[in-house]
Amino acid sequence: MFQNNFIGKNGFIWWVGVVENRSDPLGLGRCQVRIFGHHGDGNEESKTKIPSSDLPRAHPLYPLNNSKSFSVPELGDWIVGFFFDGEAAQYPVMMGVYRDWE
């Protein structure tokens, strides 16, 4: 899972995606997120090629100051995150929810 480098020096890959399933059988707060560019753009064609059930589960990154209080993102929320394993792109981590409040 870990690479032989420092996160941020090389291979740090940011992503944006949309929550398609928030049910986590392990109860860890993970969500299945369609990551734009990796799993299509969220249109019906991309959902046919890669069904929601085949998406990887993105792990939440809890805040240090209140780690006991966390809410799972809602269906359809846009998530900003990164791949913990860099360019291998198999271990997504959710950092926050993006909402356009207009």
C-alpha atoms as a PDB file:
ATOM      1  CA  MET A   1       0.000   0.000   0.000  1.00  0.00           C
ATOM      2  CA  PHE A   2       2.759   2.466   0.806  1.00  0.00           C
ATOM      3  CA  GLN A   3       5.164   3.752  -1.788  1.00  0.00           C
ATOM      4  CA  ASN A   4       8.871   4.274  -1.324  1.00  0.00           C
ATOM      5  CA  ASN A   5       8.558   8.046  -1.430  1.00  0.00           C
ATOM      6  CA  PHE A   6       7.144  10.967   0.501  1.00  0.00           C
ATOM      7  CA  ILE A   7       3.566  12.014  -0.171  1.00  0.00           C
ATOM      8  CA  GLY A   8       3.693  15.332  -1.995  1.00  0.00           C
ATOM      9  CA  LYS A   9       7.225  15.020  -3.396  1.00  0.00           C
ATOM     10  CA  ASN A  10       6.156  12.838  -6.277  1.00  0.00           C
ATOM     11  CA  GLY A  11       3.139  10.812  -7.271  1.00  0.00           C
ATOM     12  CA  PHE A  12       0.645  12.866  -5.214  1.00  0.00           C
ATOM     13  CA  ILE A  13      -2.614  12.614  -7.143  1.00  0.00           C
ATOM     14  CA  TRP A  14      -5.605  14.828  -6.255  1.00  0.00           C
ATOM     15  CA  TRP A  15      -9.084  13.901  -7.414  1.00  0.00           C
ATOM     16  CA  VAL A  16     -12.703  15.081  -7.446  1.00  0.00           C
ATOM     17  CA  GLY A  17     -15.603  12.669  -7.573  1.00  0.00           C
ATOM     18  CA  VAL A  18     -19.251  12.104  -6.689  1.00  0.00           C
ATOM     19  CA  VAL A  19     -20.654   9.818  -3.959  1.00  0.00           C
ATOM     20  CA  GLU A  20     -22.708   6.981  -5.465  1.00  0.00           C
ATOM     21  CA  ASN A  21     -22.999   4.707  -2.417  1.00  0.00           C
ATOM     22  CA  ARG A  22     -22.555   5.660   1.223  1.00  0.00           C
ATOM     23  CA  SER A  23     -23.323   2.289   2.764  1.00  0.00           C
ATOM     24  CA  ASP A  24     -20.199   0.730   4.292  1.00  0.00           C
ATOM     25  CA  PRO A  25     -20.494  -2.916   5.387  1.00  0.00           C
ATOM     26  CA  LEU A  26     -17.607  -2.392   7.845  1.00  0.00           C
ATOM     27  CA  GLY A  27     -19.107   0.796   9.320  1.00  0.00           C
ATOM     28  CA  LEU A  28     -15.924   2.822   8.770  1.00  0.00           C
ATOM     29  CA  GLY A  29     -17.533   5.743   6.943  1.00  0.00           C
ATOM     30  CA  ARG A  30     -16.201   4.733   3.533  1.00  0.00           C
ATOM     31  CA  CYS A  31     -18.119   5.687   0.386  1.00  0.00           C
ATOM     32  CA  GLN A  32     -18.071   4.433  -3.150  1.00  0.00           C
ATOM     33  CA  VAL A  33     -17.042   7.493  -5.146  1.00  0.00           C
ATOM     34  CA  ARG A  34     -16.987   7.840  -8.932  1.00  0.00           C
ATOM     35  CA  ILE A  35     -13.701   9.677  -9.396  1.00  0.00           C
ATOM     36  CA  PHE A  36     -13.880  11.893 -12.458  1.00  0.00           C
ATOM     37  CA  GLY A  37     -11.313  10.887 -15.061  1.00  0.00           C
ATOM     38  CA  HIS A  38     -10.695   7.501 -13.465  1.00  0.00           C
ATOM     39  CA  HIS A  39     -14.245   6.114 -13.503  1.00  0.00           C
ATOM     40  CA  GLY A  40     -15.826   8.267 -16.207  1.00  0.00           C
ATOM     41  CA  ASP A  41     -17.664  11.534 -15.690  1.00  0.00           C
ATOM     42  CA  GLY A  42     -20.804  10.257 -13.963  1.00  0.00           C
ATOM     43  CA  ASN A  43     -23.005  10.112 -17.044  1.00  0.00           C
ATOM     44  CA  GLU A  44     -25.126   7.042 -17.803  1.00  0.00           C
ATOM     45  CA  GLU A  45     -22.531   5.611 -20.222  1.00  0.00           C
ATOM     46  CA  SER A  46     -19.802   5.683 -17.564  1.00  0.00           C
ATOM     47  CA  LYS A  47     -22.182   4.076 -15.049  1.00  0.00           C
ATOM     48  CA  THR A  48     -22.844   1.269 -17.542  1.00  0.00           C
ATOM     49  CA  LYS A  49     -19.113   0.654 -18.124  1.00  0.00           C
ATOM     50  CA  ILE A  50     -18.252   0.829 -14.404  1.00  0.00           C
ATOM     51  CA  PRO A  51     -21.292   0.163 -12.190  1.00  0.00           C
ATOM     52  CA  SER A  52     -21.468   1.880  -8.798  1.00  0.00           C
ATOM     53  CA  SER A  53     -21.028  -1.508  -7.102  1.00  0.00           C
ATOM     54  CA  ASP A  54     -17.582  -1.865  -8.740  1.00  0.00           C
ATOM     55  CA  LEU A  55     -16.240   1.485  -7.528  1.00  0.00           C
ATOM     56  CA  PRO A  56     -13.550   1.400  -4.829  1.00  0.00           C
ATOM     57  CA  ARG A  57     -14.469   2.526  -1.325  1.00  0.00           C
ATOM     58  CA  ALA A  58     -12.850   5.836  -0.448  1.00  0.00           C
ATOM     59  CA  HIS A  59     -11.679   6.130   3.150  1.00  0.00           C
ATOM     60  CA  PRO A  60     -12.518   9.251   5.180  1.00  0.00           C
ATOM     61  CA  LEU A  61      -9.768  11.467   6.558  1.00  0.00           C
ATOM     62  CA  TYR A  62     -10.920  12.464  10.046  1.00  0.00           C
ATOM     63  CA  PRO A  63      -9.990  15.826  11.582  1.00  0.00           C
ATOM     64  CA  LEU A  64      -7.565  15.720  14.502  1.00  0.00           C
ATOM     65  CA  ASN A  65      -9.454  18.221  16.632  1.00  0.00           C
ATOM     66  CA  ASN A  66     -12.781  16.361  16.708  1.00  0.00           C
ATOM     67  CA  SER A  67     -12.168  12.865  15.382  1.00  0.00           C
ATOM     68  CA  LYS A  68     -15.161  11.373  17.217  1.00  0.00           C
ATOM     69  CA  SER A  69     -17.590  13.506  15.230  1.00  0.00           C
ATOM     70  CA  PHE A  70     -17.898  12.579  11.565  1.00  0.00           C
ATOM     71  CA  SER A  71     -20.820  12.435   9.166  1.00  0.00           C
ATOM     72  CA  VAL A  72     -20.785  10.363   6.010  1.00  0.00           C
ATOM     73  CA  PRO A  73     -21.207  12.470   2.851  1.00  0.00           C
ATOM     74  CA  GLU A  74     -24.613  12.414   1.188  1.00  0.00           C
ATOM     75  CA  LEU A  75     -25.409  10.683  -2.105  1.00  0.00           C
ATOM     76  CA  GLY A  76     -24.497  13.052  -4.927  1.00  0.00           C
ATOM     77  CA  ASP A  77     -22.018  15.075  -2.853  1.00  0.00           C
ATOM     78  CA  TRP A  78     -18.859  16.078  -4.672  1.00  0.00           C
ATOM     79  CA  ILE A  79     -15.753  14.921  -2.831  1.00  0.00           C
ATOM     80  CA  VAL A  80     -12.194  16.260  -2.963  1.00  0.00           C
ATOM     81  CA  GLY A  81      -9.516  13.727  -2.140  1.00  0.00           C
ATOM     82  CA  PHE A  82      -6.248  12.096  -3.050  1.00  0.00           C
ATOM     83  CA  PHE A  83      -4.857   8.633  -3.714  1.00  0.00           C
ATOM     84  CA  PHE A  84      -2.871   7.389  -0.716  1.00  0.00           C
ATOM     85  CA  ASP A  85      -0.964   5.073  -3.052  1.00  0.00           C
ATOM     86  CA  GLY A  86      -0.151   7.780  -5.624  1.00  0.00           C
ATOM     87  CA  GLU A  87      -0.223   6.810  -9.270  1.00  0.00           C
ATOM     88  CA  ALA A  88      -1.406   3.256  -8.517  1.00  0.00           C
ATOM     89  CA  ALA A  89      -4.733   4.990  -7.722  1.00  0.00           C
ATOM     90  CA  GLN A  90      -6.232   2.069  -5.772  1.00  0.00           C
ATOM     91  CA  TYR A  91      -6.578   3.616  -2.274  1.00  0.00           C
ATOM     92  CA  PRO A  92      -8.722   6.777  -2.444  1.00  0.00           C
ATOM     93  CA  VAL A  93      -8.995   9.043   0.601  1.00  0.00           C
ATOM     94  CA  MET A  94     -11.782  11.621   1.063  1.00  0.00           C
ATOM     95  CA  MET A  95     -10.617  14.980   2.420  1.00  0.00           C
ATOM     96  CA  GLY A  96     -13.769  17.042   2.178  1.00  0.00           C
ATOM     97  CA  VAL A  97     -17.084  17.791   0.531  1.00  0.00           C
ATOM     98  CA  TYR A  98     -17.386  20.516  -2.093  1.00  0.00           C
ATOM     99  CA  ARG A  99     -20.702  22.318  -2.229  1.00  0.00           C
ATOM    100  CA  ASP A 100     -21.575  25.259  -4.441  1.00  0.00           C
ATOM    101  CA  TRP A 101     -23.752  27.371  -2.161  1.00  0.00           C
ATOM    102  CA  GLU A 102     -25.165  29.633  -4.901  1.00  0.00           C
END
